[in-house]
Amino acid sequence: MKTRPSIQKAAALFAVAQGLITALVPQITIRLVKFALSRNFEHTDELSARPMHVRQTRAAGIGLAAAGIAAYAMQRVAETREAAADREAAADPESDAD
């Protein structure tokens, strides 16, 4: 299944934003996980994240942001190469006849 480049770039930017939020304010993500757990389990309000888990959540956010940046950069490079190939094909119509 081929996706449109604009959707891929939007998904990459969303990953960057989510990663930055998680890296800068990991307590938001921890609260979200606790909320999700509270839908299926009782007494989740008594749970507390250890400092180690906060650091690991922050590290996961940094990784997600880095992955989003890499995906966005790769998409931009692919678009640039496709545009260059299209310009080259338009400039040399005889190469398509071979």
N, C-alpha and C. Protein backbone atom coordinates (compact mmCIF):
# COMPACT_ATOMS: atom_id res chain seq x y z
N MET A 1 0.84 -1.18 0.00
CA MET A 1 0.00 0.00 0.00
C MET A 1 0.89 1.24 0.00
N LYS A 2 0.65 2.09 -0.94
CA LYS A 2 1.45 3.30 -1.05
C LYS A 2 0.71 4.45 -0.38
N THR A 3 1.40 5.14 0.52
CA THR A 3 0.80 6.28 1.19
C THR A 3 1.29 7.56 0.56
N ARG A 4 0.54 8.59 0.75
CA ARG A 4 0.92 9.89 0.20
C ARG A 4 2.04 10.48 1.05
N PRO A 5 2.96 11.20 0.39
CA PRO A 5 4.07 11.81 1.12
C PRO A 5 3.61 12.79 2.20
N SER A 6 2.50 13.50 1.96
CA SER A 6 2.04 14.46 2.96
C SER A 6 1.58 13.76 4.23
N ILE A 7 1.00 12.58 4.10
CA ILE A 7 0.58 11.82 5.28
C ILE A 7 1.81 11.32 6.03
N GLN A 8 2.81 10.87 5.29
CA GLN A 8 4.03 10.39 5.94
C GLN A 8 4.74 11.52 6.67
N LYS A 9 4.77 12.70 6.06
CA LYS A 9 5.42 13.83 6.73
C LYS A 9 4.63 14.26 7.96
N ALA A 10 3.31 14.24 7.86
CA ALA A 10 2.47 14.61 9.00
C ALA A 10 2.67 13.61 10.15
N ALA A 11 2.75 12.33 9.82
CA ALA A 11 2.97 11.31 10.86
C ALA A 11 4.34 11.49 11.50
N ALA A 12 5.34 11.83 10.71
CA ALA A 12 6.68 12.06 11.26
C ALA A 12 6.68 13.27 12.19
N LEU A 13 6.00 14.33 11.78
CA LEU A 13 5.93 15.51 12.64
C LEU A 13 5.15 15.24 13.92
N PHE A 14 4.11 14.42 13.83
CA PHE A 14 3.36 14.03 15.03
C PHE A 14 4.26 13.24 15.98
N ALA A 15 5.07 12.35 15.43
CA ALA A 15 6.00 11.57 16.26
C ALA A 15 7.01 12.49 16.94
N VAL A 16 7.49 13.50 16.22
CA VAL A 16 8.42 14.45 16.81
C VAL A 16 7.74 15.19 17.96
N ALA A 17 6.53 15.67 17.72
CA ALA A 17 5.81 16.41 18.77
C ALA A 17 5.54 15.54 19.99
N GLN A 18 5.06 14.33 19.77
CA GLN A 18 4.79 13.42 20.89
C GLN A 18 6.07 13.08 21.64
N GLY A 19 7.14 12.86 20.90
CA GLY A 19 8.41 12.56 21.54
C GLY A 19 8.93 13.71 22.37
N LEU A 20 8.80 14.93 21.86
CA LEU A 20 9.26 16.09 22.62
C LEU A 20 8.43 16.29 23.89
N ILE A 21 7.13 16.11 23.76
CA ILE A 21 6.28 16.24 24.95
C ILE A 21 6.66 15.20 25.98
N THR A 22 6.86 13.97 25.54
CA THR A 22 7.22 12.89 26.46
C THR A 22 8.60 13.13 27.07
N ALA A 23 9.53 13.65 26.28
CA ALA A 23 10.87 13.90 26.79
C ALA A 23 10.90 15.06 27.78
N LEU A 24 10.14 16.10 27.49
CA LEU A 24 10.17 17.28 28.35
C LEU A 24 9.28 17.16 29.58
N VAL A 25 8.13 16.50 29.43
CA VAL A 25 7.18 16.37 30.53
C VAL A 25 6.71 14.92 30.60
N PRO A 26 7.55 14.02 31.09
CA PRO A 26 7.16 12.60 31.09
C PRO A 26 5.98 12.29 32.01
N GLN A 27 5.69 13.17 32.95
CA GLN A 27 4.57 12.93 33.86
C GLN A 27 3.24 12.90 33.12
N ILE A 28 3.14 13.61 32.00
CA ILE A 28 1.90 13.58 31.21
C ILE A 28 1.67 12.18 30.65
N THR A 29 2.71 11.59 30.11
CA THR A 29 2.59 10.24 29.57
C THR A 29 2.31 9.23 30.67
N ILE A 30 2.93 9.41 31.82
CA ILE A 30 2.71 8.50 32.94
C ILE A 30 1.26 8.60 33.41
N ARG A 31 0.72 9.82 33.47
CA ARG A 31 -0.68 9.98 33.85
C ARG A 31 -1.62 9.33 32.83
N LEU A 32 -1.26 9.44 31.55
CA LEU A 32 -2.07 8.82 30.50
C LEU A 32 -2.08 7.29 30.65
N VAL A 33 -0.93 6.72 30.94
CA VAL A 33 -0.85 5.27 31.14
C VAL A 33 -1.66 4.86 32.37
N LYS A 34 -1.56 5.62 33.45
CA LYS A 34 -2.35 5.31 34.64
C LYS A 34 -3.84 5.39 34.35
N PHE A 35 -4.25 6.37 33.55
CA PHE A 35 -5.65 6.50 33.18
C PHE A 35 -6.09 5.29 32.37
N ALA A 36 -5.26 4.87 31.41
CA ALA A 36 -5.60 3.71 30.59
C ALA A 36 -5.70 2.45 31.45
N LEU A 37 -4.82 2.32 32.42
CA LEU A 37 -4.88 1.17 33.31
C LEU A 37 -6.12 1.21 34.20
N SER A 38 -6.56 2.39 34.57
CA SER A 38 -7.71 2.51 35.47
C SER A 38 -8.99 2.02 34.81
N ARG A 39 -9.01 1.94 33.49
CA ARG A 39 -10.19 1.44 32.80
C ARG A 39 -10.39 -0.06 33.03
N ASN A 40 -9.30 -0.78 33.32
CA ASN A 40 -9.39 -2.23 33.47
C ASN A 40 -9.02 -2.74 34.86
N PHE A 41 -8.38 -1.90 35.66
CA PHE A 41 -7.92 -2.34 36.98
C PHE A 41 -8.38 -1.37 38.05
N GLU A 42 -8.49 -1.88 39.26
CA GLU A 42 -8.88 -1.04 40.39
C GLU A 42 -7.64 -0.53 41.11
N HIS A 43 -7.82 0.55 41.85
CA HIS A 43 -6.78 1.13 42.72
C HIS A 43 -5.54 1.60 41.95
N THR A 44 -5.71 2.02 40.73
CA THR A 44 -4.56 2.53 39.99
C THR A 44 -4.12 3.90 40.49
N ASP A 45 -4.99 4.58 41.24
CA ASP A 45 -4.60 5.87 41.79
C ASP A 45 -3.50 5.73 42.84
N GLU A 46 -3.33 4.52 43.34
CA GLU A 46 -2.28 4.27 44.33
C GLU A 46 -0.91 4.02 43.68
N LEU A 47 -0.88 3.86 42.38
CA LEU A 47 0.38 3.63 41.68
C LEU A 47 1.20 4.91 41.62
N SER A 48 2.50 4.76 41.72
CA SER A 48 3.38 5.92 41.55
C SER A 48 4.59 5.47 40.75
N ALA A 49 5.05 6.35 39.89
CA ALA A 49 6.19 6.03 39.04
C ALA A 49 7.48 6.28 39.81
N ARG A 50 8.37 5.33 39.73
CA ARG A 50 9.68 5.49 40.35
C ARG A 50 10.53 6.40 39.48
N PRO A 51 11.53 7.03 40.05
CA PRO A 51 12.40 7.91 39.25
C PRO A 51 13.01 7.19 38.04
N MET A 52 13.30 5.91 38.19
CA MET A 52 13.84 5.14 37.08
C MET A 52 12.85 5.09 35.92
N HIS A 53 11.57 4.91 36.21
CA HIS A 53 10.55 4.86 35.16
C HIS A 53 10.37 6.21 34.48
N VAL A 54 10.51 7.28 35.27
CA VAL A 54 10.41 8.62 34.67
C VAL A 54 11.57 8.83 33.70
N ARG A 55 12.77 8.41 34.09
CA ARG A 55 13.93 8.54 33.19
C ARG A 55 13.75 7.69 31.94
N GLN A 56 13.22 6.48 32.10
CA GLN A 56 13.01 5.61 30.94
C GLN A 56 11.94 6.17 30.01
N THR A 57 10.92 6.77 30.57
CA THR A 57 9.89 7.40 29.75
C THR A 57 10.48 8.58 28.98
N ARG A 58 11.31 9.36 29.66
CA ARG A 58 11.97 10.49 29.00
C ARG A 58 12.87 9.99 27.86
N ALA A 59 13.60 8.92 28.09
CA ALA A 59 14.48 8.35 27.05
C ALA A 59 13.66 7.84 25.87
N ALA A 60 12.52 7.23 26.14
CA ALA A 60 11.65 6.77 25.05
C ALA A 60 11.13 7.95 24.24
N GLY A 61 10.83 9.06 24.90
CA GLY A 61 10.40 10.26 24.19
C GLY A 61 11.49 10.81 23.29
N ILE A 62 12.72 10.81 23.77
CA ILE A 62 13.85 11.27 22.96
C ILE A 62 14.01 10.37 21.73
N GLY A 63 13.89 9.07 21.94
CA GLY A 63 13.99 8.13 20.82
C GLY A 63 12.88 8.33 19.80
N LEU A 64 11.66 8.57 20.28
CA LEU A 64 10.54 8.80 19.37
C LEU A 64 10.74 10.08 18.57
N ALA A 65 11.22 11.13 19.22
CA ALA A 65 11.48 12.38 18.51
C ALA A 65 12.58 12.18 17.46
N ALA A 66 13.62 11.46 17.81
CA ALA A 66 14.70 11.21 16.85
C ALA A 66 14.20 10.39 15.66
N ALA A 67 13.35 9.41 15.91
CA ALA A 67 12.80 8.60 14.83
C ALA A 67 11.91 9.45 13.92
N GLY A 68 11.14 10.35 14.51
CA GLY A 68 10.30 11.23 13.71
C GLY A 68 11.12 12.17 12.84
N ILE A 69 12.20 12.71 13.40
CA ILE A 69 13.08 13.59 12.63
C ILE A 69 13.71 12.82 11.47
N ALA A 70 14.16 11.61 11.74
CA ALA A 70 14.76 10.79 10.68
C ALA A 70 13.75 10.46 9.59
N ALA A 71 12.54 10.12 9.97
CA ALA A 71 11.50 9.80 8.98
C ALA A 71 11.17 11.02 8.13
N TYR A 72 11.08 12.18 8.75
CA TYR A 72 10.79 13.41 8.00
C TYR A 72 11.92 13.71 7.02
N ALA A 73 13.16 13.58 7.49
CA ALA A 73 14.31 13.86 6.62
C ALA A 73 14.35 12.89 5.44
N MET A 74 14.10 11.62 5.69
CA MET A 74 14.10 10.64 4.60
C MET A 74 13.00 10.92 3.59
N GLN A 75 11.85 11.36 4.07
CA GLN A 75 10.75 11.69 3.16
C GLN A 75 11.12 12.89 2.29
N ARG A 76 11.75 13.88 2.89
CA ARG A 76 12.17 15.06 2.11
C ARG A 76 13.20 14.68 1.05
N VAL A 77 14.14 13.82 1.39
CA VAL A 77 15.15 13.38 0.42
C VAL A 77 14.49 12.60 -0.71
N ALA A 78 13.56 11.74 -0.38
CA ALA A 78 12.86 10.95 -1.41
C ALA A 78 12.08 11.87 -2.34
N GLU A 79 11.41 12.88 -1.79
CA GLU A 79 10.66 13.81 -2.63
C GLU A 79 11.59 14.59 -3.55
N THR A 80 12.74 15.00 -3.02
CA THR A 80 13.71 15.75 -3.82
C THR A 80 14.24 14.90 -4.96
N ARG A 81 14.54 13.63 -4.68
CA ARG A 81 15.03 12.74 -5.73
C ARG A 81 13.97 12.47 -6.78
N GLU A 82 12.73 12.27 -6.35
CA GLU A 82 11.65 12.04 -7.30
C GLU A 82 11.43 13.26 -8.18
N ALA A 83 11.51 14.44 -7.59
CA ALA A 83 11.33 15.67 -8.37
C ALA A 83 12.47 15.84 -9.37
N ALA A 84 13.69 15.52 -8.97
CA ALA A 84 14.84 15.62 -9.88
C ALA A 84 14.70 14.61 -11.01
N ALA A 85 14.24 13.40 -10.71
CA ALA A 85 14.05 12.39 -11.75
C ALA A 85 12.95 12.81 -12.72
N ASP A 86 11.89 13.42 -12.20
CA ASP A 86 10.81 13.90 -13.07
C ASP A 86 11.29 15.03 -13.98
N ARG A 87 12.09 15.94 -13.43
CA ARG A 87 12.63 17.03 -14.26
C ARG A 87 13.56 16.49 -15.34
N GLU A 88 14.35 15.49 -14.96
CA GLU A 88 15.29 14.89 -15.92
C GLU A 88 14.52 14.16 -17.03
N ALA A 89 13.48 13.46 -16.66
CA ALA A 89 12.68 12.74 -17.65
C ALA A 89 11.95 13.71 -18.57
N ALA A 90 11.51 14.83 -18.03
CA ALA A 90 10.83 15.82 -18.86
C ALA A 90 11.80 16.53 -19.80
N ALA A 91 13.03 16.69 -19.38
CA ALA A 91 14.02 17.37 -20.20
C ALA A 91 14.56 16.48 -21.31
N ASP A 92 14.54 15.17 -21.12
CA ASP A 92 15.10 14.24 -22.10
C ASP A 92 14.03 13.22 -22.48
N PRO A 93 13.08 13.57 -23.36
CA PRO A 93 12.00 12.65 -23.70
C PRO A 93 12.47 11.45 -24.50
N GLU A 94 13.65 11.51 -25.13
CA GLU A 94 14.13 10.38 -25.93
C GLU A 94 14.57 9.21 -25.06
N SER A 95 14.92 9.46 -23.81
CA SER A 95 15.37 8.37 -22.95
C SER A 95 14.24 7.40 -22.63
N ASP A 96 12.98 7.86 -22.68
CA ASP A 96 11.84 6.98 -22.42
C ASP A 96 11.60 6.03 -23.60
N ALA A 97 12.05 6.40 -24.79
CA ALA A 97 11.82 5.57 -25.97
C ALA A 97 12.74 4.35 -26.02
N ASP A 98 13.82 4.35 -25.28
CA ASP A 98 14.78 3.23 -25.31
C ASP A 98 14.21 1.98 -24.76
